[in-house]
Protein backbone atom coordinates (compact mmCIF):
# COMPACT_ATOMS: atom_id res chain seq x y z
CA MET A 1 146.19 54.90 171.92
CA THR A 2 149.66 54.78 170.43
CA LEU A 3 151.95 57.78 170.23
CA ASP A 4 151.58 57.84 166.43
CA ALA A 5 147.79 57.94 166.71
CA VAL A 6 147.94 60.77 169.24
CA LEU A 7 150.32 62.76 167.03
CA ARG A 8 148.13 62.20 163.93
CA LYS A 9 145.03 63.29 165.80
CA THR A 10 146.78 66.39 167.21
CA LEU A 11 148.14 67.31 163.79
CA ARG A 12 144.71 66.88 162.17
CA MET A 13 143.15 69.14 164.79
CA ALA A 14 145.88 71.78 164.36
CA VAL A 15 145.48 71.76 160.58
CA ARG A 16 141.70 71.97 160.89
CA MET A 17 141.94 74.92 163.30
CA ASN A 18 144.51 76.81 161.18
CA SER A 19 142.63 76.26 157.92
CA ASN A 20 139.49 77.74 159.48
CA LEU A 21 141.09 81.03 160.49
CA ALA A 22 139.76 84.08 158.66
CA THR A 23 142.16 86.45 156.98
CA ASP A 24 140.02 89.63 156.92
CA ASP A 25 140.22 91.62 160.15
CA HIS A 26 140.94 88.41 162.07
CA LEU A 27 137.21 87.65 162.29
CA PRO A 28 136.07 84.05 161.94
CA PRO A 29 133.66 83.26 159.12
CA PRO A 30 130.12 82.59 160.35
CA ASP A 31 130.29 78.86 159.55
CA ARG A 32 133.66 78.23 161.17
CA ARG A 33 133.79 74.85 162.88
CA ILE A 34 135.55 74.50 166.21
CA PRO A 35 136.34 71.05 167.59
CA VAL A 36 134.78 70.61 171.03
CA ASN A 37 135.36 67.79 173.45
CA MET A 38 132.37 66.79 175.54
CA SER A 39 131.92 64.18 178.22
CA LEU A 40 128.58 62.39 178.04
CA PRO A 41 127.20 59.42 179.92
CA GLU A 42 128.01 56.17 178.13
CA GLU A 43 124.34 55.20 177.80
CA LEU A 44 123.55 58.54 176.15
CA VAL A 45 126.33 58.01 173.60
CA HIS A 46 124.93 54.54 172.82
CA GLN A 47 121.48 56.04 172.30
CA LEU A 48 122.98 58.78 170.12
CA ASP A 49 124.72 56.20 167.96
CA GLU A 50 121.47 54.23 167.62
CA VAL A 51 119.57 57.19 166.18
CA ALA A 52 122.31 59.16 164.42
CA GLY A 53 125.07 56.64 163.81
CA PRO A 54 128.63 57.06 165.11
CA ARG A 55 129.67 59.09 162.03
CA ASN A 56 126.80 61.60 162.43
CA ARG A 57 127.15 62.52 166.09
CA SER A 58 128.22 66.11 165.42
CA ALA A 59 125.42 66.87 162.95
CA PHE A 60 122.82 65.36 165.26
CA ALA A 61 124.19 67.19 168.30
CA GLU A 62 124.35 70.48 166.35
CA GLU A 63 120.69 70.22 165.35
CA ALA A 64 119.63 69.28 168.89
CA LEU A 65 121.64 72.14 170.41
CA ARG A 66 120.19 74.66 167.96
CA ARG A 67 116.65 73.57 168.89
CA ALA A 68 117.43 73.62 172.63
CA ILE A 69 119.04 77.07 172.43
CA LYS A 70 116.09 78.45 170.44
CA ARG A 71 113.66 77.00 172.99
CA GLU A 72 115.69 78.41 175.91
CA LYS A 73 115.86 81.88 174.32
CA TRP A 74 112.10 81.75 173.82
CA ARG A 75 111.57 80.72 177.45
CA LEU A 76 113.82 83.53 178.71
CA SER A 77 112.03 86.14 176.60
CA ILE A 78 108.67 84.97 177.94
CA GLU A 79 110.05 85.07 181.47
CA ARG A 80 111.42 88.61 181.00
CA THR A 81 108.16 89.96 179.57
CA ALA A 82 105.78 88.13 181.89
CA GLY A 83 103.43 90.55 183.58
CA SER A 84 104.07 93.41 181.15
CA LEU A 85 100.40 93.36 180.09
CA ARG A 86 97.86 94.00 182.82
CA THR A 87 94.64 91.98 182.65
CA GLU A 88 92.49 95.00 183.39
CA ASP A 89 93.91 96.81 180.34
CA TYR A 90 92.94 93.96 178.00
CA PRO A 91 89.58 92.56 179.11
CA HIS A 92 88.97 91.16 175.63
CA TRP A 93 91.87 88.70 176.20
CA ARG A 94 90.64 87.41 179.57
CA THR A 95 89.27 84.06 178.28
CA SER A 96 89.49 82.09 175.04
CA GLU A 97 85.88 82.94 174.31
CA ASP A 98 86.60 86.66 174.82
CA VAL A 99 89.51 86.47 172.40
CA VAL A 100 87.39 84.72 169.75
CA ARG A 101 84.65 87.32 170.16
CA TRP A 102 87.20 90.16 169.91
CA VAL A 103 88.78 88.70 166.75
CA GLU A 104 85.36 88.25 165.14
CA GLU A 105 84.46 91.84 165.99
CA MET A 106 87.75 93.13 164.56
CA ARG A 107 87.25 91.15 161.34
CA ALA A 108 83.68 92.39 160.97
CA GLU A 109 84.71 96.01 161.39
CA GLU A 110 84.49 98.08 158.23
CA THR A 111 87.71 99.71 157.19
CA ASP A 112 88.38 102.63 154.89
CA PRO A 113 89.96 101.22 151.70
CA GLY A 114 91.53 104.60 151.02
CA ASP A 115 91.18 106.89 148.05
CA ASP A 116 89.76 105.07 145.02
CA ARG A 117 91.41 107.57 142.68
CA LEU A 118 94.91 106.16 143.21
């Protein structure tokens, strides 16, 4: 890469970073974009370009990261709460058949509709 190309790229990044700075209380806006450099295996980049195209790498990676982070947060919450319900306290959830029976019983239960005068 020539010196001119490096300078242009550096200047573009500096302008992009400065134009994204928030003015109120020095807090970034929620949709602020931050350039990130990542090193990926060459084959993975080729596969990424095949499905997203070289001009859509960031959008594709953003969507994939959001899904992966959501899945990881879900996994961690399940891991943290595992064992919080004791089987003996909820015998109606022991098997799938027990759950179905319990749901049917709950749905069949008569409920008080409240005061008709309202």
